[in-house]
């Protein structure tokens, strides 16, 4: 049971938990791990990339 909105490749997101809490960027490279957890790679504006669990991010709507 996951109450986070469905994240898609290219969505802007903000990390709300885990090691990278407070960082934000564009979600890429969505992958379902062997244990069944969705992982994503987040690319920041400066080009720095990091991996995190999808449960630790929220989608940011750009207006």
PDB file of N, CA and C in Angstrom:
ATOM      1  N   UNK A   1       0.849  -1.175   0.000  1.00  0.00           N
ATOM      2  CA  UNK A   1       0.000   0.000   0.000  1.00  0.00           C
ATOM      3  C   UNK A   1       0.893   1.237   0.000  1.00  0.00           C
ATOM      4  N   UNK A   2       0.903   1.961  -1.109  1.00  0.00           N
ATOM      5  CA  UNK A   2       1.763   3.122  -1.270  1.00  0.00           C
ATOM      6  C   UNK A   2       0.902   4.329  -1.600  1.00  0.00           C
ATOM      7  N   UNK A   3       0.960   5.382  -0.779  1.00  0.00           N
ATOM      8  CA  UNK A   3       0.105   6.538  -1.002  1.00  0.00           C
ATOM      9  C   UNK A   3       0.805   7.670  -1.740  1.00  0.00           C
ATOM     10  N   UNK A   4       2.021   7.441  -2.278  1.00  0.00           N
ATOM     11  CA  UNK A   4       2.702   8.466  -3.054  1.00  0.00           C
ATOM     12  C   UNK A   4       2.178   8.437  -4.483  1.00  0.00           C
ATOM     13  N   UNK A   5       2.089   9.603  -5.129  1.00  0.00           N
ATOM     14  CA  UNK A   5       1.631   9.618  -6.515  1.00  0.00           C
ATOM     15  C   UNK A   5       2.608   8.880  -7.419  1.00  0.00           C
ATOM     16  N   UNK A   6       2.112   8.363  -8.508  1.00  0.00           N
ATOM     17  CA  UNK A   6       2.947   7.614  -9.451  1.00  0.00           C
ATOM     18  C   UNK A   6       3.976   8.552 -10.068  1.00  0.00           C
ATOM     19  N   UNK A   7       5.236   8.194  -9.960  1.00  0.00           N
ATOM     20  CA  UNK A   7       6.302   9.012 -10.528  1.00  0.00           C
ATOM     21  C   UNK A   7       6.654   8.473 -11.903  1.00  0.00           C
ATOM     22  N   UNK A   8       6.941   9.379 -12.820  1.00  0.00           N
ATOM     23  CA  UNK A   8       7.264   8.999 -14.188  1.00  0.00           C
ATOM     24  C   UNK A   8       8.618   9.577 -14.571  1.00  0.00           C
ATOM     25  N   UNK A   9       9.229   8.981 -15.584  1.00  0.00           N
ATOM     26  CA  UNK A   9      10.499   9.460 -16.103  1.00  0.00           C
ATOM     27  C   UNK A   9      10.343  10.915 -16.560  1.00  0.00           C
ATOM     28  N   UNK A  10      11.204  11.796 -16.087  1.00  0.00           N
ATOM     29  CA  UNK A  10      11.159  13.201 -16.477  1.00  0.00           C
ATOM     30  C   UNK A  10      10.434  14.104 -15.493  1.00  0.00           C
ATOM     31  N   UNK A  11       9.785  13.530 -14.479  1.00  0.00           N
ATOM     32  CA  UNK A  11       9.089  14.335 -13.470  1.00  0.00           C
ATOM     33  C   UNK A  11      10.087  15.083 -12.599  1.00  0.00           C
ATOM     34  N   UNK A  12       9.713  16.286 -12.198  1.00  0.00           N
ATOM     35  CA  UNK A  12      10.496  17.031 -11.217  1.00  0.00           C
ATOM     36  C   UNK A  12      10.129  16.485  -9.844  1.00  0.00           C
ATOM     37  N   UNK A  13      11.109  16.232  -9.010  1.00  0.00           N
ATOM     38  CA  UNK A  13      10.818  15.651  -7.709  1.00  0.00           C
ATOM     39  C   UNK A  13      11.721  16.243  -6.631  1.00  0.00           C
ATOM     40  N   UNK A  14      11.293  16.078  -5.391  1.00  0.00           N
ATOM     41  CA  UNK A  14      12.051  16.529  -4.225  1.00  0.00           C
ATOM     42  C   UNK A  14      12.165  15.358  -3.261  1.00  0.00           C
ATOM     43  N   UNK A  15      13.354  15.140  -2.724  1.00  0.00           N
ATOM     44  CA  UNK A  15      13.590  14.040  -1.801  1.00  0.00           C
ATOM     45  C   UNK A  15      13.177  14.483  -0.400  1.00  0.00           C
ATOM     46  N   UNK A  16      12.305  13.689   0.242  1.00  0.00           N
ATOM     47  CA  UNK A  16      11.783  14.042   1.564  1.00  0.00           C
ATOM     48  C   UNK A  16      12.269  13.102   2.661  1.00  0.00           C
ATOM     49  N   UNK A  17      13.087  12.114   2.294  1.00  0.00           N
ATOM     50  CA  UNK A  17      13.596  11.177   3.288  1.00  0.00           C
ATOM     51  C   UNK A  17      14.864  10.504   2.803  1.00  0.00           C
ATOM     52  N   UNK A  18      15.576   9.889   3.728  1.00  0.00           N
ATOM     53  CA  UNK A  18      16.777   9.152   3.374  1.00  0.00           C
ATOM     54  C   UNK A  18      18.016  10.024   3.333  1.00  0.00           C
ATOM     55  N   UNK A  19      19.071   9.486   2.780  1.00  0.00           N
ATOM     56  CA  UNK A  19      20.380  10.129   2.738  1.00  0.00           C
ATOM     57  C   UNK A  19      20.362  11.463   1.998  1.00  0.00           C
ATOM     58  N   UNK A  20      19.573  11.564   0.931  1.00  0.00           N
ATOM     59  CA  UNK A  20      19.590  12.742   0.061  1.00  0.00           C
ATOM     60  C   UNK A  20      18.449  13.717   0.372  1.00  0.00           C
ATOM     61  N   UNK A  21      17.908  13.657   1.563  1.00  0.00           N
ATOM     62  CA  UNK A  21      16.791  14.512   1.970  1.00  0.00           C
ATOM     63  C   UNK A  21      17.096  15.986   1.701  1.00  0.00           C
ATOM     64  N   UNK A  22      16.126  16.679   1.083  1.00  0.00           N
ATOM     65  CA  UNK A  22      16.276  18.098   0.791  1.00  0.00           C
ATOM     66  C   UNK A  22      16.755  18.398  -0.618  1.00  0.00           C
ATOM     67  N   UNK A  23      17.263  17.402  -1.318  1.00  0.00           N
ATOM     68  CA  UNK A  23      17.734  17.607  -2.688  1.00  0.00           C
ATOM     69  C   UNK A  23      16.563  17.456  -3.654  1.00  0.00           C
ATOM     70  N   UNK A  24      16.716  18.005  -4.853  1.00  0.00           N
ATOM     71  CA  UNK A  24      15.657  17.893  -5.854  1.00  0.00           C
ATOM     72  C   UNK A  24      16.275  17.809  -7.239  1.00  0.00           C
ATOM     73  N   UNK A  25      15.457  17.403  -8.202  1.00  0.00           N
ATOM     74  CA  UNK A  25      15.928  17.280  -9.573  1.00  0.00           C
ATOM     75  C   UNK A  25      14.918  16.554 -10.430  1.00  0.00           C
ATOM     76  N   UNK A  26      15.393  16.003 -11.530  1.00  0.00           N
ATOM     77  CA  UNK A  26      14.558  15.303 -12.493  1.00  0.00           C
ATOM     78  C   UNK A  26      14.715  13.795 -12.311  1.00  0.00           C
ATOM     79  N   UNK A  27      13.586  13.100 -12.223  1.00  0.00           N
ATOM     80  CA  UNK A  27      13.602  11.644 -12.050  1.00  0.00           C
ATOM     81  C   UNK A  27      13.902  10.956 -13.381  1.00  0.00           C
ATOM     82  N   UNK A  28      14.853  10.036 -13.361  1.00  0.00           N
ATOM     83  CA  UNK A  28      15.179   9.237 -14.543  1.00  0.00           C
ATOM     84  C   UNK A  28      15.476   7.815 -14.090  1.00  0.00           C
ATOM     85  N   UNK A  29      15.595   6.918 -15.039  1.00  0.00           N
ATOM     86  CA  UNK A  29      16.049   5.547 -14.785  1.00  0.00           C
ATOM     87  C   UNK A  29      15.273   4.856 -13.664  1.00  0.00           C
ATOM     88  N   UNK A  30      13.949   4.741 -13.840  1.00  0.00           N
ATOM     89  CA  UNK A  30      13.122   4.030 -12.871  1.00  0.00           C
ATOM     90  C   UNK A  30      13.387   2.538 -12.990  1.00  0.00           C
ATOM     91  N   UNK A  31      13.550   1.876 -11.859  1.00  0.00           N
ATOM     92  CA  UNK A  31      13.900   0.460 -11.861  1.00  0.00           C
ATOM     93  C   UNK A  31      13.241  -0.248 -10.688  1.00  0.00           C
ATOM     94  N   UNK A  32      12.649  -1.398 -10.938  1.00  0.00           N
ATOM     95  CA  UNK A  32      12.080  -2.216  -9.879  1.00  0.00           C
ATOM     96  C   UNK A  32      13.157  -3.207  -9.434  1.00  0.00           C
ATOM     97  N   UNK A  33      13.566  -3.116  -8.173  1.00  0.00           N
ATOM     98  CA  UNK A  33      14.654  -3.963  -7.673  1.00  0.00           C
ATOM     99  C   UNK A  33      14.172  -5.397  -7.452  1.00  0.00           C
ATOM    100  N   UNK A  34      15.109  -6.292  -7.169  1.00  0.00           N
ATOM    101  CA  UNK A  34      14.779  -7.688  -6.915  1.00  0.00           C
ATOM    102  C   UNK A  34      13.870  -7.840  -5.711  1.00  0.00           C
ATOM    103  N   UNK A  35      13.982  -6.919  -4.752  1.00  0.00           N
ATOM    104  CA  UNK A  35      13.164  -6.991  -3.536  1.00  0.00           C
ATOM    105  C   UNK A  35      11.801  -6.333  -3.717  1.00  0.00           C
ATOM    106  N   UNK A  36      11.549  -5.750  -4.908  1.00  0.00           N
ATOM    107  CA  UNK A  36      10.243  -5.172  -5.194  1.00  0.00           C
ATOM    108  C   UNK A  36      10.124  -3.690  -4.916  1.00  0.00           C
ATOM    109  N   UNK A  37      11.232  -3.028  -4.584  1.00  0.00           N
ATOM    110  CA  UNK A  37      11.206  -1.591  -4.330  1.00  0.00           C
ATOM    111  C   UNK A  37      11.542  -0.822  -5.606  1.00  0.00           C
ATOM    112  N   UNK A  38      10.838   0.289  -5.821  1.00  0.00           N
ATOM    113  CA  UNK A  38      11.093   1.133  -6.982  1.00  0.00           C
ATOM    114  C   UNK A  38      12.234   2.087  -6.649  1.00  0.00           C
ATOM    115  N   UNK A  39      13.304   2.046  -7.463  1.00  0.00           N
ATOM    116  CA  UNK A  39      14.422   2.971  -7.290  1.00  0.00           C
ATOM    117  C   UNK A  39      14.454   3.925  -8.473  1.00  0.00           C
ATOM    118  N   UNK A  40      14.938   5.132  -8.229  1.00  0.00           N
ATOM    119  CA  UNK A  40      15.059   6.114  -9.301  1.00  0.00           C
ATOM    120  C   UNK A  40      16.413   6.789  -9.213  1.00  0.00           C
ATOM    121  N   UNK A  41      16.861   7.307 -10.330  1.00  0.00           N
ATOM    122  CA  UNK A  41      18.039   8.163 -10.362  1.00  0.00           C
ATOM    123  C   UNK A  41      17.518   9.583 -10.485  1.00  0.00           C
ATOM    124  N   UNK A  42      18.016  10.467  -9.628  1.00  0.00           N
ATOM    125  CA  UNK A  42      17.631  11.873  -9.670  1.00  0.00           C
ATOM    126  C   UNK A  42      18.814  12.658 -10.212  1.00  0.00           C
ATOM    127  N   UNK A  43      18.555  13.488 -11.232  1.00  0.00           N
ATOM    128  CA  UNK A  43      19.595  14.323 -11.820  1.00  0.00           C
ATOM    129  C   UNK A  43      19.322  15.760 -11.394  1.00  0.00           C
ATOM    130  N   UNK A  44      20.273  16.350 -10.664  1.00  0.00           N
ATOM    131  CA  UNK A  44      20.133  17.720 -10.208  1.00  0.00           C
ATOM    132  C   UNK A  44      20.469  18.692 -11.341  1.00  0.00           C
ATOM    133  N   UNK A  45      20.119  19.965 -11.154  1.00  0.00           N
ATOM    134  CA  UNK A  45      20.373  20.984 -12.184  1.00  0.00           C
ATOM    135  C   UNK A  45      21.841  21.085 -12.560  1.00  0.00           C
ATOM    136  N   UNK A  46      22.740  20.855 -11.590  1.00  0.00           N
ATOM    137  CA  UNK A  46      24.176  20.947 -11.871  1.00  0.00           C
ATOM    138  C   UNK A  46      24.753  19.669 -12.481  1.00  0.00           C
ATOM    139  N   UNK A  47      23.873  18.685 -12.768  1.00  0.00           N
ATOM    140  CA  UNK A  47      24.309  17.455 -13.420  1.00  0.00           C
ATOM    141  C   UNK A  47      24.670  16.321 -12.479  1.00  0.00           C
ATOM    142  N   UNK A  48      24.700  16.587 -11.183  1.00  0.00           N
ATOM    143  CA  UNK A  48      25.016  15.542 -10.206  1.00  0.00           C
ATOM    144  C   UNK A  48      23.864  14.554 -10.140  1.00  0.00           C
ATOM    145  N   UNK A  49      24.205  13.261 -10.164  1.00  0.00           N
ATOM    146  CA  UNK A  49      23.195  12.200 -10.146  1.00  0.00           C
ATOM    147  C   UNK A  49      23.314  11.411  -8.846  1.00  0.00           C
ATOM    148  N   UNK A  50      22.159  10.934  -8.363  1.00  0.00           N
ATOM    149  CA  UNK A  50      22.170  10.025  -7.224  1.00  0.00           C
ATOM    150  C   UNK A  50      20.958   9.123  -7.297  1.00  0.00           C
ATOM    151  N   UNK A  51      21.073   7.946  -6.702  1.00  0.00           N
ATOM    152  CA  UNK A  51      19.967   6.988  -6.671  1.00  0.00           C
ATOM    153  C   UNK A  51      19.267   7.069  -5.321  1.00  0.00           C
ATOM    154  N   UNK A  52      17.949   6.869  -5.334  1.00  0.00           N
ATOM    155  CA  UNK A  52      17.176   6.848  -4.105  1.00  0.00           C
ATOM    156  C   UNK A  52      15.932   5.999  -4.325  1.00  0.00           C
ATOM    157  N   UNK A  53      15.282   5.652  -3.255  1.00  0.00           N
ATOM    158  CA  UNK A  53      14.032   4.907  -3.343  1.00  0.00           C
ATOM    159  C   UNK A  53      12.896   5.859  -3.682  1.00  0.00           C
ATOM    160  N   UNK A  54      11.969   5.404  -4.515  1.00  0.00           N
ATOM    161  CA  UNK A  54      10.842   6.245  -4.926  1.00  0.00           C
ATOM    162  C   UNK A  54       9.979   6.641  -3.737  1.00  0.00           C
ATOM    163  N   UNK A  55       9.938   5.819  -2.696  1.00  0.00           N
ATOM    164  CA  UNK A  55       9.121   6.150  -1.524  1.00  0.00           C
ATOM    165  C   UNK A  55       9.662   7.378  -0.786  1.00  0.00           C
ATOM    166  N   UNK A  56      10.910   7.767  -1.062  1.00  0.00           N
ATOM    167  CA  UNK A  56      11.532   8.914  -0.409  1.00  0.00           C
ATOM    168  C   UNK A  56      11.355  10.220  -1.171  1.00  0.00           C
ATOM    169  N   UNK A  57      10.628  10.203  -2.304  1.00  0.00           N
ATOM    170  CA  UNK A  57      10.460  11.417  -3.099  1.00  0.00           C
ATOM    171  C   UNK A  57       8.993  11.776  -3.291  1.00  0.00           C
ATOM    172  N   UNK A  58       8.776  13.053  -3.535  1.00  0.00           N
ATOM    173  CA  UNK A  58       7.447  13.540  -3.922  1.00  0.00           C
ATOM    174  C   UNK A  58       7.593  14.264  -5.244  1.00  0.00           C
ATOM    175  N   UNK A  59       6.557  14.169  -6.080  1.00  0.00           N
ATOM    176  CA  UNK A  59       6.549  14.848  -7.372  1.00  0.00           C
ATOM    177  C   UNK A  59       6.218  16.309  -7.122  1.00  0.00           C
ATOM    178  N   UNK A  60       7.004  17.198  -7.743  1.00  0.00           N
ATOM    179  CA  UNK A  60       6.786  18.637  -7.620  1.00  0.00           C
ATOM    180  C   UNK A  60       6.106  19.117  -8.895  1.00  0.00           C
ATOM    181  N   UNK A  61       4.962  19.752  -8.735  1.00  0.00           N
ATOM    182  CA  UNK A  61       4.250  20.276  -9.905  1.00  0.00           C
ATOM    183  C   UNK A  61       4.790  21.657 -10.236  1.00  0.00           C
ATOM    184  N   UNK A  62       5.177  21.846 -11.493  1.00  0.00           N
ATOM    185  CA  UNK A  62       5.683  23.136 -11.949  1.00  0.00           C
ATOM    186  C   UNK A  62       4.521  23.911 -12.539  1.00  0.00           C
ATOM    187  N   UNK A  63       4.329  25.113 -12.020  1.00  0.00           N
ATOM    188  CA  UNK A  63       3.199  25.945 -12.495  1.00  0.00           C
ATOM    189  C   UNK A  63       3.732  27.060 -13.393  1.00  0.00           C
TER     190      UNK A  63
END
